[in-house]
Amino acid sequence: MEPSAAFVVRTPGSLANVVASRRHQLGLTQQGLAGAAGVSRKLV
């Protein structure tokens, strides 16, 4: 998946899948992504 790719997200679950897929591609954990975004891991 390219960072500039467009997605149609119709459900919260599909958004979660897109975020998780990209997070894995970047080698980030949920904690790492949360820290980079300045939010709690629960939000991620």
PDB file of N, CA and C in Angstrom:
ATOM      1  N   MET A   1       0.846  -1.175   0.000  1.00  0.00           N
ATOM      2  CA  MET A   1       0.000   0.000   0.000  1.00  0.00           C
ATOM      3  C   MET A   1       0.889   1.235   0.000  1.00  0.00           C
ATOM      4  N   GLU A   2       0.649   2.122  -0.911  1.00  0.00           N
ATOM      5  CA  GLU A   2       1.418   3.362  -0.986  1.00  0.00           C
ATOM      6  C   GLU A   2       0.790   4.406  -0.076  1.00  0.00           C
ATOM      7  N   PRO A   3       1.608   5.271   0.527  1.00  0.00           N
ATOM      8  CA  PRO A   3       1.060   6.297   1.420  1.00  0.00           C
ATOM      9  C   PRO A   3       0.053   7.218   0.743  1.00  0.00           C
ATOM     10  N   SER A   4       0.174   7.404  -0.569  1.00  0.00           N
ATOM     11  CA  SER A   4      -0.720   8.316  -1.267  1.00  0.00           C
ATOM     12  C   SER A   4      -1.964   7.622  -1.801  1.00  0.00           C
ATOM     13  N   ALA A   5      -2.102   6.324  -1.541  1.00  0.00           N
ATOM     14  CA  ALA A   5      -3.255   5.577  -2.043  1.00  0.00           C
ATOM     15  C   ALA A   5      -4.536   6.071  -1.379  1.00  0.00           C
ATOM     16  N   ALA A   6      -5.621   6.085  -2.147  1.00  0.00           N
ATOM     17  CA  ALA A   6      -6.914   6.520  -1.627  1.00  0.00           C
ATOM     18  C   ALA A   6      -7.739   5.298  -1.228  1.00  0.00           C
ATOM     19  N   PHE A   7      -8.457   5.402  -0.136  1.00  0.00           N
ATOM     20  CA  PHE A   7      -9.290   4.319   0.344  1.00  0.00           C
ATOM     21  C   PHE A   7     -10.680   4.836   0.622  1.00  0.00           C
ATOM     22  N   VAL A   8     -11.662   4.014   0.352  1.00  0.00           N
ATOM     23  CA  VAL A   8     -13.019   4.303   0.772  1.00  0.00           C
ATOM     24  C   VAL A   8     -13.259   3.459   2.011  1.00  0.00           C
ATOM     25  N   VAL A   9     -13.488   4.138   3.116  1.00  0.00           N
ATOM     26  CA  VAL A   9     -13.685   3.455   4.393  1.00  0.00           C
ATOM     27  C   VAL A   9     -15.153   3.579   4.748  1.00  0.00           C
ATOM     28  N   ARG A  10     -15.815   2.442   4.819  1.00  0.00           N
ATOM     29  CA  ARG A  10     -17.251   2.456   5.080  1.00  0.00           C
ATOM     30  C   ARG A  10     -17.619   2.060   6.518  1.00  0.00           C
ATOM     31  N   THR A  11     -16.700   1.419   7.205  1.00  0.00           N
ATOM     32  CA  THR A  11     -16.998   0.972   8.570  1.00  0.00           C
ATOM     33  C   THR A  11     -15.792   1.244   9.471  1.00  0.00           C
ATOM     34  N   PRO A  12     -16.021   1.324  10.775  1.00  0.00           N
ATOM     35  CA  PRO A  12     -14.895   1.480  11.695  1.00  0.00           C
ATOM     36  C   PRO A  12     -13.907   0.322  11.576  1.00  0.00           C
ATOM     37  N   GLY A  13     -14.410  -0.876  11.331  1.00  0.00           N
ATOM     38  CA  GLY A  13     -13.540  -2.035  11.193  1.00  0.00           C
ATOM     39  C   GLY A  13     -12.618  -1.936   9.997  1.00  0.00           C
ATOM     40  N   SER A  14     -13.125  -1.409   8.882  1.00  0.00           N
ATOM     41  CA  SER A  14     -12.260  -1.274   7.708  1.00  0.00           C
ATOM     42  C   SER A  14     -11.219  -0.178   7.928  1.00  0.00           C
ATOM     43  N   LEU A  15     -11.560   0.859   8.665  1.00  0.00           N
ATOM     44  CA  LEU A  15     -10.572   1.881   9.004  1.00  0.00           C
ATOM     45  C   LEU A  15      -9.476   1.276   9.877  1.00  0.00           C
ATOM     46  N   ALA A  16      -9.881   0.464  10.840  1.00  0.00           N
ATOM     47  CA  ALA A  16      -8.908  -0.190  11.723  1.00  0.00           C
ATOM     48  C   ALA A  16      -7.969  -1.073  10.911  1.00  0.00           C
ATOM     49  N   ASN A  17      -8.497  -1.778   9.923  1.00  0.00           N
ATOM     50  CA  ASN A  17      -7.666  -2.639   9.083  1.00  0.00           C
ATOM     51  C   ASN A  17      -6.658  -1.844   8.275  1.00  0.00           C
ATOM     52  N   VAL A  18      -7.062  -0.712   7.735  1.00  0.00           N
ATOM     53  CA  VAL A  18      -6.152   0.138   6.962  1.00  0.00           C
ATOM     54  C   VAL A  18      -5.044   0.677   7.862  1.00  0.00           C
ATOM     55  N   VAL A  19      -5.411   1.153   9.039  1.00  0.00           N
ATOM     56  CA  VAL A  19      -4.425   1.705   9.970  1.00  0.00           C
ATOM     57  C   VAL A  19      -3.458   0.616  10.429  1.00  0.00           C
ATOM     58  N   ALA A  20      -3.977  -0.552  10.783  1.00  0.00           N
ATOM     59  CA  ALA A  20      -3.120  -1.639  11.258  1.00  0.00           C
ATOM     60  C   ALA A  20      -2.173  -2.107  10.155  1.00  0.00           C
ATOM     61  N   SER A  21      -2.671  -2.205   8.944  1.00  0.00           N
ATOM     62  CA  SER A  21      -1.834  -2.634   7.826  1.00  0.00           C
ATOM     63  C   SER A  21      -0.679  -1.668   7.608  1.00  0.00           C
ATOM     64  N   ARG A  22      -0.985  -0.388   7.593  1.00  0.00           N
ATOM     65  CA  ARG A  22       0.064   0.618   7.384  1.00  0.00           C
ATOM     66  C   ARG A  22       1.034   0.649   8.562  1.00  0.00           C
ATOM     67  N   ARG A  23       0.500   0.501   9.764  1.00  0.00           N
ATOM     68  CA  ARG A  23       1.347   0.480  10.958  1.00  0.00           C
ATOM     69  C   ARG A  23       2.338  -0.674  10.883  1.00  0.00           C
ATOM     70  N   HIS A  24       1.876  -1.832  10.462  1.00  0.00           N
ATOM     71  CA  HIS A  24       2.771  -2.978  10.320  1.00  0.00           C
ATOM     72  C   HIS A  24       3.819  -2.732   9.244  1.00  0.00           C
ATOM     73  N   GLN A  25       3.418  -2.127   8.120  1.00  0.00           N
ATOM     74  CA  GLN A  25       4.375  -1.817   7.054  1.00  0.00           C
ATOM     75  C   GLN A  25       5.484  -0.911   7.551  1.00  0.00           C
ATOM     76  N   LEU A  26       5.144  -0.011   8.451  1.00  0.00           N
ATOM     77  CA  LEU A  26       6.119   0.935   8.999  1.00  0.00           C
ATOM     78  C   LEU A  26       6.908   0.352  10.168  1.00  0.00           C
ATOM     79  N   GLY A  27       6.553  -0.858  10.582  1.00  0.00           N
ATOM     80  CA  GLY A  27       7.257  -1.503  11.679  1.00  0.00           C
ATOM     81  C   GLY A  27       6.946  -0.901  13.036  1.00  0.00           C
ATOM     82  N   LEU A  28       5.764  -0.326  13.172  1.00  0.00           N
ATOM     83  CA  LEU A  28       5.380   0.306  14.433  1.00  0.00           C
ATOM     84  C   LEU A  28       4.478  -0.606  15.256  1.00  0.00           C
ATOM     85  N   THR A  29       4.637  -0.540  16.550  1.00  0.00           N
ATOM     86  CA  THR A  29       3.696  -1.188  17.460  1.00  0.00           C
ATOM     87  C   THR A  29       2.568  -0.205  17.729  1.00  0.00           C
ATOM     88  N   GLN A  30       1.515  -0.681  18.380  1.00  0.00           N
ATOM     89  CA  GLN A  30       0.445   0.238  18.769  1.00  0.00           C
ATOM     90  C   GLN A  30       0.998   1.318  19.696  1.00  0.00           C
ATOM     91  N   GLN A  31       1.868   0.908  20.618  1.00  0.00           N
ATOM     92  CA  GLN A  31       2.472   1.866  21.555  1.00  0.00           C
ATOM     93  C   GLN A  31       3.318   2.889  20.803  1.00  0.00           C
ATOM     94  N   GLY A  32       4.091   2.420  19.837  1.00  0.00           N
ATOM     95  CA  GLY A  32       4.933   3.326  19.056  1.00  0.00           C
ATOM     96  C   GLY A  32       4.118   4.326  18.250  1.00  0.00           C
ATOM     97  N   LEU A  33       3.042   3.846  17.635  1.00  0.00           N
ATOM     98  CA  LEU A  33       2.179   4.749  16.866  1.00  0.00           C
ATOM     99  C   LEU A  33       1.514   5.761  17.785  1.00  0.00           C
ATOM    100  N   ALA A  34       1.040   5.283  18.938  1.00  0.00           N
ATOM    101  CA  ALA A  34       0.396   6.183  19.895  1.00  0.00           C
ATOM    102  C   ALA A  34       1.365   7.262  20.360  1.00  0.00           C
ATOM    103  N   GLY A  35       2.597   6.874  20.657  1.00  0.00           N
ATOM    104  CA  GLY A  35       3.598   7.856  21.086  1.00  0.00           C
ATOM    105  C   GLY A  35       3.891   8.877  20.003  1.00  0.00           C
ATOM    106  N   ALA A  36       3.996   8.412  18.755  1.00  0.00           N
ATOM    107  CA  ALA A  36       4.265   9.331  17.643  1.00  0.00           C
ATOM    108  C   ALA A  36       3.099  10.292  17.417  1.00  0.00           C
ATOM    109  N   ALA A  37       1.882   9.807  17.698  1.00  0.00           N
ATOM    110  CA  ALA A  37       0.691  10.649  17.509  1.00  0.00           C
ATOM    111  C   ALA A  37       0.371  11.489  18.738  1.00  0.00           C
ATOM    112  N   GLY A  38       1.025  11.199  19.856  1.00  0.00           N
ATOM    113  CA  GLY A  38       0.775  11.951  21.079  1.00  0.00           C
ATOM    114  C   GLY A  38      -0.560  11.594  21.746  1.00  0.00           C
ATOM    115  N   VAL A  39      -0.962  10.325  21.577  1.00  0.00           N
ATOM    116  CA  VAL A  39      -2.216   9.872  22.181  1.00  0.00           C
ATOM    117  C   VAL A  39      -1.931   8.587  22.967  1.00  0.00           C
ATOM    118  N   SER A  40      -2.932   8.096  23.683  1.00  0.00           N
ATOM    119  CA  SER A  40      -2.760   6.856  24.440  1.00  0.00           C
ATOM    120  C   SER A  40      -2.890   5.651  23.518  1.00  0.00           C
ATOM    121  N   ARG A  41      -2.320   4.526  23.934  1.00  0.00           N
ATOM    122  CA  ARG A  41      -2.411   3.313  23.136  1.00  0.00           C
ATOM    123  C   ARG A  41      -3.866   2.865  22.987  1.00  0.00           C
ATOM    124  N   LYS A  42      -4.690   3.131  23.981  1.00  0.00           N
ATOM    125  CA  LYS A  42      -6.105   2.752  23.910  1.00  0.00           C
ATOM    126  C   LYS A  42      -6.802   3.420  22.733  1.00  0.00           C
ATOM    127  N   LEU A  43      -6.395   4.631  22.400  1.00  0.00           N
ATOM    128  CA  LEU A  43      -7.001   5.336  21.268  1.00  0.00           C
ATOM    129  C   LEU A  43      -6.599   4.702  19.953  1.00  0.00           C
ATOM    130  N   VAL A  44      -5.360   4.210  19.890  1.00  0.00           N
ATOM    131  CA  VAL A  44      -4.863   3.564  18.675  1.00  0.00           C
ATOM    132  C   VAL A  44      -5.483   2.197  18.569  1.00  0.00           C
TER     133      VAL A  44
END
